C-alpha atoms as a PDB file:
ATOM      1  CA  UNK A   1     -25.949  24.101  69.329  1.00  0.00           C
ATOM      2  CA  UNK A   2     -23.772  22.458  66.684  1.00  0.00           C
ATOM      3  CA  UNK A   3     -23.925  18.720  66.141  1.00  0.00           C
ATOM      4  CA  UNK A   4     -20.771  17.006  67.354  1.00  0.00           C
ATOM      5  CA  UNK A   5     -19.286  13.665  66.401  1.00  0.00           C
ATOM      6  CA  UNK A   6     -19.731  11.019  69.068  1.00  0.00           C
ATOM      7  CA  UNK A   7     -16.814   8.618  68.922  1.00  0.00           C
ATOM      8  CA  UNK A   8     -17.508   4.915  68.614  1.00  0.00           C
ATOM      9  CA  UNK A   9     -15.018   2.040  68.817  1.00  0.00           C
ATOM     10  CA  UNK A  10     -14.364   0.760  65.332  1.00  0.00           C
ATOM     11  CA  UNK A  11     -14.065   1.917  61.727  1.00  0.00           C
ATOM     12  CA  UNK A  12     -13.998  -0.413  58.740  1.00  0.00           C
ATOM     13  CA  UNK A  13     -10.996   0.288  56.497  1.00  0.00           C
ATOM     14  CA  UNK A  14     -10.204  -1.669  53.349  1.00  0.00           C
ATOM     15  CA  UNK A  15     -11.643  -4.941  54.559  1.00  0.00           C
ATOM     16  CA  UNK A  16     -10.720  -4.859  58.238  1.00  0.00           C
ATOM     17  CA  UNK A  17     -11.692  -3.091  61.441  1.00  0.00           C
ATOM     18  CA  UNK A  18      -9.391  -0.524  62.997  1.00  0.00           C
ATOM     19  CA  UNK A  19      -9.796   1.520  66.162  1.00  0.00           C
ATOM     20  CA  UNK A  20     -11.707   4.807  65.818  1.00  0.00           C
ATOM     21  CA  UNK A  21      -8.632   6.808  66.875  1.00  0.00           C
ATOM     22  CA  UNK A  22      -6.485   5.060  64.260  1.00  0.00           C
ATOM     23  CA  UNK A  23      -8.674   6.137  61.327  1.00  0.00           C
ATOM     24  CA  UNK A  24      -6.323   8.863  60.163  1.00  0.00           C
ATOM     25  CA  UNK A  25      -5.027  10.167  56.849  1.00  0.00           C
ATOM     26  CA  UNK A  26      -1.895  12.144  56.049  1.00  0.00           C
ATOM     27  CA  UNK A  27      -1.996  15.946  55.986  1.00  0.00           C
ATOM     28  CA  UNK A  28      -0.957  15.862  52.324  1.00  0.00           C
ATOM     29  CA  UNK A  29      -3.418  13.247  51.169  1.00  0.00           C
ATOM     30  CA  UNK A  30      -5.523  14.471  48.262  1.00  0.00           C
ATOM     31  CA  UNK A  31      -8.599  14.041  50.458  1.00  0.00           C
ATOM     32  CA  UNK A  32      -7.215  16.768  52.728  1.00  0.00           C
ATOM     33  CA  UNK A  33      -5.534  18.965  50.114  1.00  0.00           C
ATOM     34  CA  UNK A  34      -8.291  19.045  47.497  1.00  0.00           C
ATOM     35  CA  UNK A  35     -11.340  17.404  49.066  1.00  0.00           C
ATOM     36  CA  UNK A  36     -11.034  14.302  46.877  1.00  0.00           C
ATOM     37  CA  UNK A  37     -13.394  12.222  48.988  1.00  0.00           C
ATOM     38  CA  UNK A  38     -16.637  10.579  47.933  1.00  0.00           C
ATOM     39  CA  UNK A  39     -19.125   9.677  50.607  1.00  0.00           C
ATOM     40  CA  UNK A  40     -22.648   8.759  51.607  1.00  0.00           C
ATOM     41  CA  UNK A  41     -24.782   9.453  54.655  1.00  0.00           C
ATOM     42  CA  UNK A  42     -27.020   6.532  55.631  1.00  0.00           C
ATOM     43  CA  UNK A  43     -29.289   6.026  58.623  1.00  0.00           C
ATOM     44  CA  UNK A  44     -29.858   2.938  60.704  1.00  0.00           C
ATOM     45  CA  UNK A  45     -33.065   2.972  62.748  1.00  0.00           C
ATOM     46  CA  UNK A  46     -33.935   0.887  65.806  1.00  0.00           C
ATOM     47  CA  UNK A  47     -37.392  -0.045  67.035  1.00  0.00           C
ATOM     48  CA  UNK A  48     -38.163  -2.511  69.832  1.00  0.00           C
ATOM     49  CA  UNK A  49     -34.743  -4.102  69.531  1.00  0.00           C
ATOM     50  CA  UNK A  50     -34.842  -4.456  65.740  1.00  0.00           C
ATOM     51  CA  UNK A  51     -32.257  -2.541  63.737  1.00  0.00           C
ATOM     52  CA  UNK A  52     -32.515  -1.782  60.028  1.00  0.00           C
ATOM     53  CA  UNK A  53     -30.558   0.368  57.589  1.00  0.00           C
ATOM     54  CA  UNK A  54     -32.698   2.511  55.300  1.00  0.00           C
ATOM     55  CA  UNK A  55     -32.187   2.210  51.533  1.00  0.00           C
ATOM     56  CA  UNK A  56     -28.672   0.826  51.872  1.00  0.00           C
ATOM     57  CA  UNK A  57     -28.537  -0.483  48.301  1.00  0.00           C
ATOM     58  CA  UNK A  58     -29.537   2.863  46.792  1.00  0.00           C
ATOM     59  CA  UNK A  59     -26.903   4.693  48.826  1.00  0.00           C
ATOM     60  CA  UNK A  60     -24.135   2.283  47.826  1.00  0.00           C
ATOM     61  CA  UNK A  61     -25.154   2.525  44.155  1.00  0.00           C
ATOM     62  CA  UNK A  62     -24.934   6.311  44.377  1.00  0.00           C
ATOM     63  CA  UNK A  63     -21.511   6.045  46.030  1.00  0.00           C
ATOM     64  CA  UNK A  64     -20.286   3.881  43.184  1.00  0.00           C
ATOM     65  CA  UNK A  65     -21.740   6.267  40.614  1.00  0.00           C
ATOM     66  CA  UNK A  66     -19.780   9.050  42.327  1.00  0.00           C
ATOM     67  CA  UNK A  67     -16.669   6.887  42.024  1.00  0.00           C
ATOM     68  CA  UNK A  68     -17.273   6.450  38.294  1.00  0.00           C
ATOM     69  CA  UNK A  69     -17.561  10.207  37.784  1.00  0.00           C
ATOM     70  CA  UNK A  70     -14.347  10.888  39.715  1.00  0.00           C
ATOM     71  CA  UNK A  71     -12.463   7.929  38.155  1.00  0.00           C
ATOM     72  CA  UNK A  72     -11.895   6.316  41.548  1.00  0.00           C
ATOM     73  CA  UNK A  73     -12.855   2.641  41.196  1.00  0.00           C
ATOM     74  CA  UNK A  74     -12.983   1.071  44.679  1.00  0.00           C
ATOM     75  CA  UNK A  75     -11.420  -2.305  45.328  1.00  0.00           C
ATOM     76  CA  UNK A  76     -14.629  -3.717  46.803  1.00  0.00           C
ATOM     77  CA  UNK A  77     -17.919  -4.656  45.188  1.00  0.00           C
ATOM     78  CA  UNK A  78     -21.169  -2.942  46.041  1.00  0.00           C
ATOM     79  CA  UNK A  79     -22.255  -6.051  47.927  1.00  0.00           C
ATOM     80  CA  UNK A  80     -19.047  -6.058  49.980  1.00  0.00           C
ATOM     81  CA  UNK A  81     -19.405  -2.382  50.776  1.00  0.00           C
ATOM     82  CA  UNK A  82     -23.042  -2.838  51.817  1.00  0.00           C
ATOM     83  CA  UNK A  83     -22.025  -5.701  54.088  1.00  0.00           C
ATOM     84  CA  UNK A  84     -19.321  -3.501  55.611  1.00  0.00           C
ATOM     85  CA  UNK A  85     -22.040  -0.979  56.551  1.00  0.00           C
ATOM     86  CA  UNK A  86     -24.055  -3.691  58.281  1.00  0.00           C
ATOM     87  CA  UNK A  87     -20.959  -5.050  60.007  1.00  0.00           C
ATOM     88  CA  UNK A  88     -19.719  -1.713  61.326  1.00  0.00           C
ATOM     89  CA  UNK A  89     -23.064  -1.016  63.020  1.00  0.00           C
ATOM     90  CA  UNK A  90     -23.049  -4.474  64.596  1.00  0.00           C
ATOM     91  CA  UNK A  91     -19.380  -4.257  65.598  1.00  0.00           C
ATOM     92  CA  UNK A  92     -19.994  -0.950  67.389  1.00  0.00           C
ATOM     93  CA  UNK A  93     -23.142  -2.316  69.073  1.00  0.00           C
ATOM     94  CA  UNK A  94     -25.169   0.718  67.991  1.00  0.00           C
ATOM     95  CA  UNK A  95     -28.909   0.994  67.617  1.00  0.00           C
ATOM     96  CA  UNK A  96     -30.075   4.123  65.781  1.00  0.00           C
ATOM     97  CA  UNK A  97     -27.049   5.712  64.116  1.00  0.00           C
ATOM     98  CA  UNK A  98     -25.590   7.495  61.110  1.00  0.00           C
ATOM     99  CA  UNK A  99     -23.322   5.564  58.735  1.00  0.00           C
ATOM    100  CA  UNK A 100     -20.601   7.249  56.675  1.00  0.00           C
ATOM    101  CA  UNK A 101     -19.066   5.185  53.826  1.00  0.00           C
ATOM    102  CA  UNK A 102     -16.144   6.994  52.194  1.00  0.00           C
ATOM    103  CA  UNK A 103     -13.840   6.433  49.230  1.00  0.00           C
ATOM    104  CA  UNK A 104     -10.867   8.792  49.286  1.00  0.00           C
ATOM    105  CA  UNK A 105      -7.602   9.584  47.540  1.00  0.00           C
ATOM    106  CA  UNK A 106      -4.758   9.121  50.011  1.00  0.00           C
ATOM    107  CA  UNK A 107      -1.139  10.248  50.219  1.00  0.00           C
ATOM    108  CA  UNK A 108       1.182  10.100  47.198  1.00  0.00           C
ATOM    109  CA  UNK A 109       0.404  12.593  44.441  1.00  0.00           C
ATOM    110  CA  UNK A 110       2.041  16.024  44.634  1.00  0.00           C
ATOM    111  CA  UNK A 111      -0.413  17.933  42.436  1.00  0.00           C
ATOM    112  CA  UNK A 112      -3.690  17.598  40.559  1.00  0.00           C
ATOM    113  CA  UNK A 113      -2.807  14.381  38.724  1.00  0.00           C
ATOM    114  CA  UNK A 114      -4.147  11.929  41.341  1.00  0.00           C
ATOM    115  CA  UNK A 115      -2.779   8.662  39.976  1.00  0.00           C
ATOM    116  CA  UNK A 116       0.019   8.360  42.548  1.00  0.00           C
ATOM    117  CA  UNK A 117      -2.459   8.548  45.439  1.00  0.00           C
ATOM    118  CA  UNK A 118      -4.019   5.253  46.532  1.00  0.00           C
ATOM    119  CA  UNK A 119      -7.784   4.832  46.666  1.00  0.00           C
ATOM    120  CA  UNK A 120      -8.817   3.980  50.223  1.00  0.00           C
ATOM    121  CA  UNK A 121     -12.211   2.823  51.478  1.00  0.00           C
ATOM    122  CA  UNK A 122     -13.735   3.442  54.907  1.00  0.00           C
ATOM    123  CA  UNK A 123     -17.028   3.010  56.739  1.00  0.00           C
ATOM    124  CA  UNK A 124     -17.670   4.761  60.064  1.00  0.00           C
ATOM    125  CA  UNK A 125     -20.817   5.166  62.145  1.00  0.00           C
ATOM    126  CA  UNK A 126     -21.912   7.166  65.170  1.00  0.00           C
ATOM    127  CA  UNK A 127     -25.062   8.159  67.088  1.00  0.00           C
ATOM    128  CA  UNK A 128     -26.902  11.135  65.605  1.00  0.00           C
ATOM    129  CA  UNK A 129     -29.488  13.413  67.187  1.00  0.00           C
ATOM    130  CA  UNK A 130     -32.196  15.265  65.258  1.00  0.00           C
ATOM    131  CA  UNK A 131     -30.209  17.084  62.589  1.00  0.00           C
ATOM    132  CA  UNK A 132     -31.827  20.515  62.817  1.00  0.00           C
ATOM    133  CA  UNK A 133     -32.276  20.467  66.577  1.00  0.00           C
ATOM    134  CA  UNK A 134     -34.722  19.262  69.207  1.00  0.00           C
ATOM    135  CA  UNK A 135     -38.321  19.773  68.149  1.00  0.00           C
ATOM    136  CA  UNK A 136     -37.492  20.447  64.490  1.00  0.00           C
ATOM    137  CA  UNK A 137     -39.431  17.448  63.195  1.00  0.00           C
ATOM    138  CA  UNK A 138     -42.537  18.378  65.159  1.00  0.00           C
ATOM    139  CA  UNK A 139     -42.505  22.178  65.084  1.00  0.00           C
ATOM    140  CA  UNK A 140     -40.497  22.960  61.978  1.00  0.00           C
ATOM    141  CA  UNK A 141     -37.687  25.439  61.401  1.00  0.00           C
ATOM    142  CA  UNK A 142     -37.087  28.910  59.995  1.00  0.00           C
ATOM    143  CA  UNK A 143     -34.715  29.240  57.042  1.00  0.00           C
ATOM    144  CA  UNK A 144     -33.342  31.933  54.742  1.00  0.00           C
ATOM    145  CA  UNK A 145     -32.530  32.145  51.054  1.00  0.00           C
ATOM    146  CA  UNK A 146     -28.756  32.102  51.007  1.00  0.00           C
ATOM    147  CA  UNK A 147     -26.623  34.787  49.412  1.00  0.00           C
ATOM    148  CA  UNK A 148     -24.476  31.894  48.165  1.00  0.00           C
ATOM    149  CA  UNK A 149     -25.768  30.070  45.098  1.00  0.00           C
ATOM    150  CA  UNK A 150     -25.245  26.642  43.621  1.00  0.00           C
ATOM    151  CA  UNK A 151     -22.670  26.267  40.860  1.00  0.00           C
ATOM    152  CA  UNK A 152     -23.467  26.305  37.164  1.00  0.00           C
ATOM    153  CA  UNK A 153     -24.070  22.794  35.735  1.00  0.00           C
ATOM    154  CA  UNK A 154     -20.886  21.311  34.286  1.00  0.00           C
ATOM    155  CA  UNK A 155     -18.879  23.240  36.865  1.00  0.00           C
ATOM    156  CA  UNK A 156     -19.080  20.498  39.491  1.00  0.00           C
ATOM    157  CA  UNK A 157     -20.765  17.115  38.902  1.00  0.00           C
ATOM    158  CA  UNK A 158     -23.486  17.656  41.500  1.00  0.00           C
ATOM    159  CA  UNK A 159     -24.919  14.154  41.175  1.00  0.00           C
ATOM    160  CA  UNK A 160     -21.630  12.923  42.614  1.00  0.00           C
ATOM    161  CA  UNK A 161     -21.586  13.256  46.392  1.00  0.00           C
ATOM    162  CA  UNK A 162     -18.077  14.638  46.817  1.00  0.00           C
ATOM    163  CA  UNK A 163     -16.615  16.324  49.883  1.00  0.00           C
ATOM    164  CA  UNK A 164     -15.243  19.328  48.010  1.00  0.00           C
ATOM    165  CA  UNK A 165     -18.734  20.275  46.813  1.00  0.00           C
ATOM    166  CA  UNK A 166     -19.789  20.895  50.406  1.00  0.00           C
ATOM    167  CA  UNK A 167     -17.590  23.942  51.005  1.00  0.00           C
ATOM    168  CA  UNK A 168     -20.341  26.050  49.452  1.00  0.00           C
ATOM    169  CA  UNK A 169     -22.907  24.283  51.645  1.00  0.00           C
ATOM    170  CA  UNK A 170     -20.908  25.167  54.758  1.00  0.00           C
ATOM    171  CA  UNK A 171     -20.862  28.825  53.736  1.00  0.00           C
ATOM    172  CA  UNK A 172     -24.645  28.700  53.397  1.00  0.00           C
ATOM    173  CA  UNK A 173     -25.078  26.999  56.733  1.00  0.00           C
ATOM    174  CA  UNK A 174     -22.727  29.363  58.587  1.00  0.00           C
ATOM    175  CA  UNK A 175     -24.409  32.415  57.087  1.00  0.00           C
ATOM    176  CA  UNK A 176     -27.832  31.060  58.088  1.00  0.00           C
ATOM    177  CA  UNK A 177     -26.727  30.471  61.673  1.00  0.00           C
ATOM    178  CA  UNK A 178     -25.068  33.889  61.896  1.00  0.00           C
ATOM    179  CA  UNK A 179     -28.360  35.461  60.781  1.00  0.00           C
ATOM    180  CA  UNK A 180     -30.449  33.486  63.258  1.00  0.00           C
ATOM    181  CA  UNK A 181     -31.880  30.765  61.007  1.00  0.00           C
ATOM    182  CA  UNK A 182     -31.741  26.978  61.295  1.00  0.00           C
ATOM    183  CA  UNK A 183     -30.641  26.435  57.688  1.00  0.00           C
ATOM    184  CA  UNK A 184     -30.621  27.852  54.179  1.00  0.00           C
ATOM    185  CA  UNK A 185     -32.176  27.420  50.772  1.00  0.00           C
ATOM    186  CA  UNK A 186     -29.913  27.797  47.746  1.00  0.00           C
ATOM    187  CA  UNK A 187     -30.786  29.214  44.362  1.00  0.00           C
ATOM    188  CA  UNK A 188     -29.176  28.050  41.161  1.00  0.00           C
ATOM    189  CA  UNK A 189     -27.257  30.346  38.786  1.00  0.00           C
ATOM    190  CA  UNK A 190     -30.533  31.009  36.919  1.00  0.00           C
ATOM    191  CA  UNK A 191     -32.105  32.430  40.095  1.00  0.00           C
ATOM    192  CA  UNK A 192     -34.497  29.489  40.504  1.00  0.00           C
ATOM    193  CA  UNK A 193     -34.737  27.329  43.616  1.00  0.00           C
ATOM    194  CA  UNK A 194     -32.231  24.479  43.755  1.00  0.00           C
ATOM    195  CA  UNK A 195     -32.171  22.787  47.202  1.00  0.00           C
ATOM    196  CA  UNK A 196     -31.182  23.337  50.822  1.00  0.00           C
ATOM    197  CA  UNK A 197     -27.629  23.559  52.094  1.00  0.00           C
ATOM    198  CA  UNK A 198     -27.406  19.776  52.188  1.00  0.00           C
ATOM    199  CA  UNK A 199     -30.913  18.465  51.522  1.00  0.00           C
ATOM    200  CA  UNK A 200     -33.674  18.549  48.942  1.00  0.00           C
ATOM    201  CA  UNK A 201     -36.795  20.669  49.128  1.00  0.00           C
ATOM    202  CA  UNK A 202     -40.543  20.147  48.683  1.00  0.00           C
ATOM    203  CA  UNK A 203     -43.415  22.619  48.441  1.00  0.00           C
ATOM    204  CA  UNK A 204     -47.160  22.068  48.791  1.00  0.00           C
ATOM    205  CA  UNK A 205     -49.307  24.314  46.574  1.00  0.00           C
ATOM    206  CA  UNK A 206     -53.086  23.823  46.419  1.00  0.00           C
ATOM    207  CA  UNK A 207     -52.758  20.243  47.654  1.00  0.00           C
ATOM    208  CA  UNK A 208     -50.055  19.333  45.139  1.00  0.00           C
ATOM    209  CA  UNK A 209     -46.525  18.351  46.081  1.00  0.00           C
ATOM    210  CA  UNK A 210     -43.775  20.055  44.073  1.00  0.00           C
ATOM    211  CA  UNK A 211     -40.009  19.597  44.132  1.00  0.00           C
ATOM    212  CA  UNK A 212     -37.447  21.505  42.032  1.00  0.00           C
ATOM    213  CA  UNK A 213     -36.274  19.640  38.961  1.00  0.00           C
ATOM    214  CA  UNK A 214     -32.831  18.056  38.930  1.00  0.00           C
ATOM    215  CA  UNK A 215     -31.153  20.664  36.742  1.00  0.00           C
ATOM    216  CA  UNK A 216     -27.509  19.862  37.433  1.00  0.00           C
ATOM    217  CA  UNK A 217     -27.264  22.149  40.471  1.00  0.00           C
ATOM    218  CA  UNK A 218     -28.597  19.730  43.119  1.00  0.00           C
ATOM    219  CA  UNK A 219     -28.099  16.226  44.446  1.00  0.00           C
ATOM    220  CA  UNK A 220     -30.377  13.418  43.308  1.00  0.00           C
ATOM    221  CA  UNK A 221     -31.570  12.710  46.825  1.00  0.00           C
ATOM    222  CA  UNK A 222     -32.564   9.243  47.972  1.00  0.00           C
ATOM    223  CA  UNK A 223     -34.989  10.631  50.546  1.00  0.00           C
ATOM    224  CA  UNK A 224     -36.332  12.899  47.784  1.00  0.00           C
ATOM    225  CA  UNK A 225     -37.053   9.793  45.712  1.00  0.00           C
ATOM    226  CA  UNK A 226     -38.626   8.180  48.799  1.00  0.00           C
ATOM    227  CA  UNK A 227     -40.982  11.121  49.329  1.00  0.00           C
ATOM    228  CA  UNK A 228     -42.083  11.046  45.680  1.00  0.00           C
ATOM    229  CA  UNK A 229     -42.845   7.330  45.932  1.00  0.00           C
ATOM    230  CA  UNK A 230     -44.744   7.771  49.202  1.00  0.00           C
ATOM    231  CA  UNK A 231     -46.762  10.639  47.741  1.00  0.00           C
ATOM    232  CA  UNK A 232     -47.853   8.410  44.856  1.00  0.00           C
ATOM    233  CA  UNK A 233     -48.825   5.680  47.305  1.00  0.00           C
ATOM    234  CA  UNK A 234     -50.795   8.168  49.432  1.00  0.00           C
ATOM    235  CA  UNK A 235     -52.653   9.676  46.491  1.00  0.00           C
ATOM    236  CA  UNK A 236     -50.940  13.060  46.758  1.00  0.00           C
ATOM    237  CA  UNK A 237     -50.336  14.612  43.309  1.00  0.00           C
ATOM    238  CA  UNK A 238     -46.577  15.183  42.946  1.00  0.00           C
ATOM    239  CA  UNK A 239     -44.405  16.687  40.237  1.00  0.00           C
ATOM    240  CA  UNK A 240     -40.947  18.079  39.530  1.00  0.00           C
ATOM    241  CA  UNK A 241     -41.046  21.683  38.350  1.00  0.00           C
ATOM    242  CA  UNK A 242     -39.051  24.850  37.942  1.00  0.00           C
ATOM    243  CA  UNK A 243     -39.584  26.792  41.176  1.00  0.00           C
ATOM    244  CA  UNK A 244     -39.247  30.580  41.388  1.00  0.00           C
ATOM    245  CA  UNK A 245     -37.909  32.081  44.615  1.00  0.00           C
ATOM    246  CA  UNK A 246     -41.136  33.926  45.365  1.00  0.00           C
ATOM    247  CA  UNK A 247     -43.033  30.617  45.439  1.00  0.00           C
ATOM    248  CA  UNK A 248     -41.198  29.853  48.692  1.00  0.00           C
ATOM    249  CA  UNK A 249     -43.079  32.749  50.295  1.00  0.00           C
ATOM    250  CA  UNK A 250     -46.504  31.994  48.844  1.00  0.00           C
ATOM    251  CA  UNK A 251     -46.719  28.193  49.013  1.00  0.00           C
ATOM    252  CA  UNK A 252     -49.005  26.499  51.542  1.00  0.00           C
ATOM    253  CA  UNK A 253     -46.338  24.205  53.016  1.00  0.00           C
ATOM    254  CA  UNK A 254     -42.610  23.650  52.685  1.00  0.00           C
ATOM    255  CA  UNK A 255     -40.237  20.966  53.937  1.00  0.00           C
ATOM    256  CA  UNK A 256     -36.729  19.588  53.666  1.00  0.00           C
ATOM    257  CA  UNK A 257     -35.979  15.959  52.813  1.00  0.00           C
ATOM    258  CA  UNK A 258     -32.677  14.218  53.404  1.00  0.00           C
ATOM    259  CA  UNK A 259     -31.020  11.342  55.191  1.00  0.00           C
ATOM    260  CA  UNK A 260     -29.904  13.493  58.113  1.00  0.00           C
ATOM    261  CA  UNK A 261     -32.796  15.973  57.872  1.00  0.00           C
ATOM    262  CA  UNK A 262     -35.431  13.236  57.312  1.00  0.00           C
ATOM    263  CA  UNK A 263     -38.718  15.102  56.653  1.00  0.00           C
ATOM    264  CA  UNK A 264     -38.433  18.472  58.426  1.00  0.00           C
ATOM    265  CA  UNK A 265     -41.164  21.120  58.112  1.00  0.00           C
ATOM    266  CA  UNK A 266     -40.129  24.677  57.207  1.00  0.00           C
ATOM    267  CA  UNK A 267     -42.359  27.256  58.867  1.00  0.00           C
ATOM    268  CA  UNK A 268     -40.809  30.479  57.580  1.00  0.00           C
ATOM    269  CA  UNK A 269     -38.489  31.738  54.847  1.00  0.00           C
ATOM    270  CA  UNK A 270     -36.659  35.027  55.358  1.00  0.00           C
ATOM    271  CA  UNK A 271     -38.950  35.531  58.389  1.00  0.00           C
ATOM    272  CA  UNK A 272     -42.052  35.333  56.163  1.00  0.00           C
ATOM    273  CA  UNK A 273     -44.413  32.637  57.535  1.00  0.00           C
ATOM    274  CA  UNK A 274     -45.067  29.695  55.228  1.00  0.00           C
ATOM    275  CA  UNK A 275     -48.831  29.093  55.122  1.00  0.00           C
ATOM    276  CA  UNK A 276     -50.101  29.136  58.705  1.00  0.00           C
ATOM    277  CA  UNK A 277     -46.554  29.396  60.048  1.00  0.00           C
ATOM    278  CA  UNK A 278     -46.808  25.872  61.480  1.00  0.00           C
ATOM    279  CA  UNK A 279     -45.918  22.415  60.233  1.00  0.00           C
ATOM    280  CA  UNK A 280     -48.415  21.627  57.471  1.00  0.00           C
ATOM    281  CA  UNK A 281     -50.877  18.751  57.276  1.00  0.00           C
ATOM    282  CA  UNK A 282     -49.482  17.214  54.072  1.00  0.00           C
ATOM    283  CA  UNK A 283     -45.920  17.520  55.403  1.00  0.00           C
ATOM    284  CA  UNK A 284     -46.817  15.740  58.621  1.00  0.00           C
ATOM    285  CA  UNK A 285     -48.733  13.017  56.777  1.00  0.00           C
ATOM    286  CA  UNK A 286     -45.671  12.250  54.667  1.00  0.00           C
ATOM    287  CA  UNK A 287     -43.402  12.498  57.701  1.00  0.00           C
ATOM    288  CA  UNK A 288     -45.545  10.011  59.642  1.00  0.00           C
ATOM    289  CA  UNK A 289     -45.612   7.529  56.756  1.00  0.00           C
ATOM    290  CA  UNK A 290     -41.854   7.857  56.318  1.00  0.00           C
ATOM    291  CA  UNK A 291     -41.169   7.358  60.030  1.00  0.00           C
ATOM    292  CA  UNK A 292     -43.569   4.433  60.303  1.00  0.00           C
ATOM    293  CA  UNK A 293     -41.624   2.567  57.620  1.00  0.00           C
ATOM    294  CA  UNK A 294     -38.083   3.399  58.740  1.00  0.00           C
ATOM    295  CA  UNK A 295     -38.895   2.633  62.387  1.00  0.00           C
ATOM    296  CA  UNK A 296     -40.639  -0.621  61.428  1.00  0.00           C
ATOM    297  CA  UNK A 297     -44.015   0.426  62.815  1.00  0.00           C
ATOM    298  CA  UNK A 298     -45.517  -0.397  59.414  1.00  0.00           C
ATOM    299  CA  UNK A 299     -44.832  -2.907  56.681  1.00  0.00           C
ATOM    300  CA  UNK A 300     -42.003  -2.061  54.288  1.00  0.00           C
ATOM    301  CA  UNK A 301     -43.636  -2.749  50.909  1.00  0.00           C
ATOM    302  CA  UNK A 302     -40.640  -1.413  48.968  1.00  0.00           C
ATOM    303  CA  UNK A 303     -37.863  -3.541  50.447  1.00  0.00           C
ATOM    304  CA  UNK A 304     -36.092  -0.435  51.701  1.00  0.00           C
ATOM    305  CA  UNK A 305     -34.883  -1.870  55.021  1.00  0.00           C
ATOM    306  CA  UNK A 306     -31.774  -4.005  55.509  1.00  0.00           C
ATOM    307  CA  UNK A 307     -31.723  -5.732  58.913  1.00  0.00           C
ATOM    308  CA  UNK A 308     -28.607  -5.577  61.069  1.00  0.00           C
END
């Protein structure tokens, strides 16, 4: 079943709160016409009444880097935007939730020169279930290699998290669902593994953790960076490498990493079992360590959590 938005009460817009139903843009805004919208996906976790946003500073820095690339300087500082994320969770009285900061081009320009369209800033949040479905974190999911590939570097600036880039991701996701899979893995234009439809990818081969290099076809994921840091802490050898498609079929373990996806085991690719066909030991070790930190069951030695 598809994930659906669950309406909350308030959205932060340009320094003030507006009602959820009033957070609207014009049909002819550049955000609607051309997908000129930069965004982040951030999670807030709750445990025993304590709420904390995971890696808020890193997400806001990436949002501002996206703004630099697309020449869309926001009116607010990174600190103000981070505070808006904290405030919108508190204002909506949410516990665990998904936070969506956005910087968009509004209504005004008539064509591709965007200067007549104002730059508008928003932060919304809503409850979010397990991204790839009930049981995905425990049992894992089956995926396929998509027939759609990532764009050539210098076609789209993939390190910028821009809405228009995700049209290709939706094609991958829809194709995967139509073919009976939970999600997809994308190859780059060179035929090597890039990432998932909207998340990064890790393999375990002979006890070593491998993730595809950032070659200009994939997003520089914050959860990806988290997993690499946790692997170092846990004594798991980890490296970034070129990954051939066939390695997906022959590796011992495979998993997605992402803010929405968290750490989700992959148990088959193109209906070929990965390893034992079950969630792997290394994957689950990393998943447990990740969840213990974000849900405040363990100390946060990295300063990744921002209390709400």
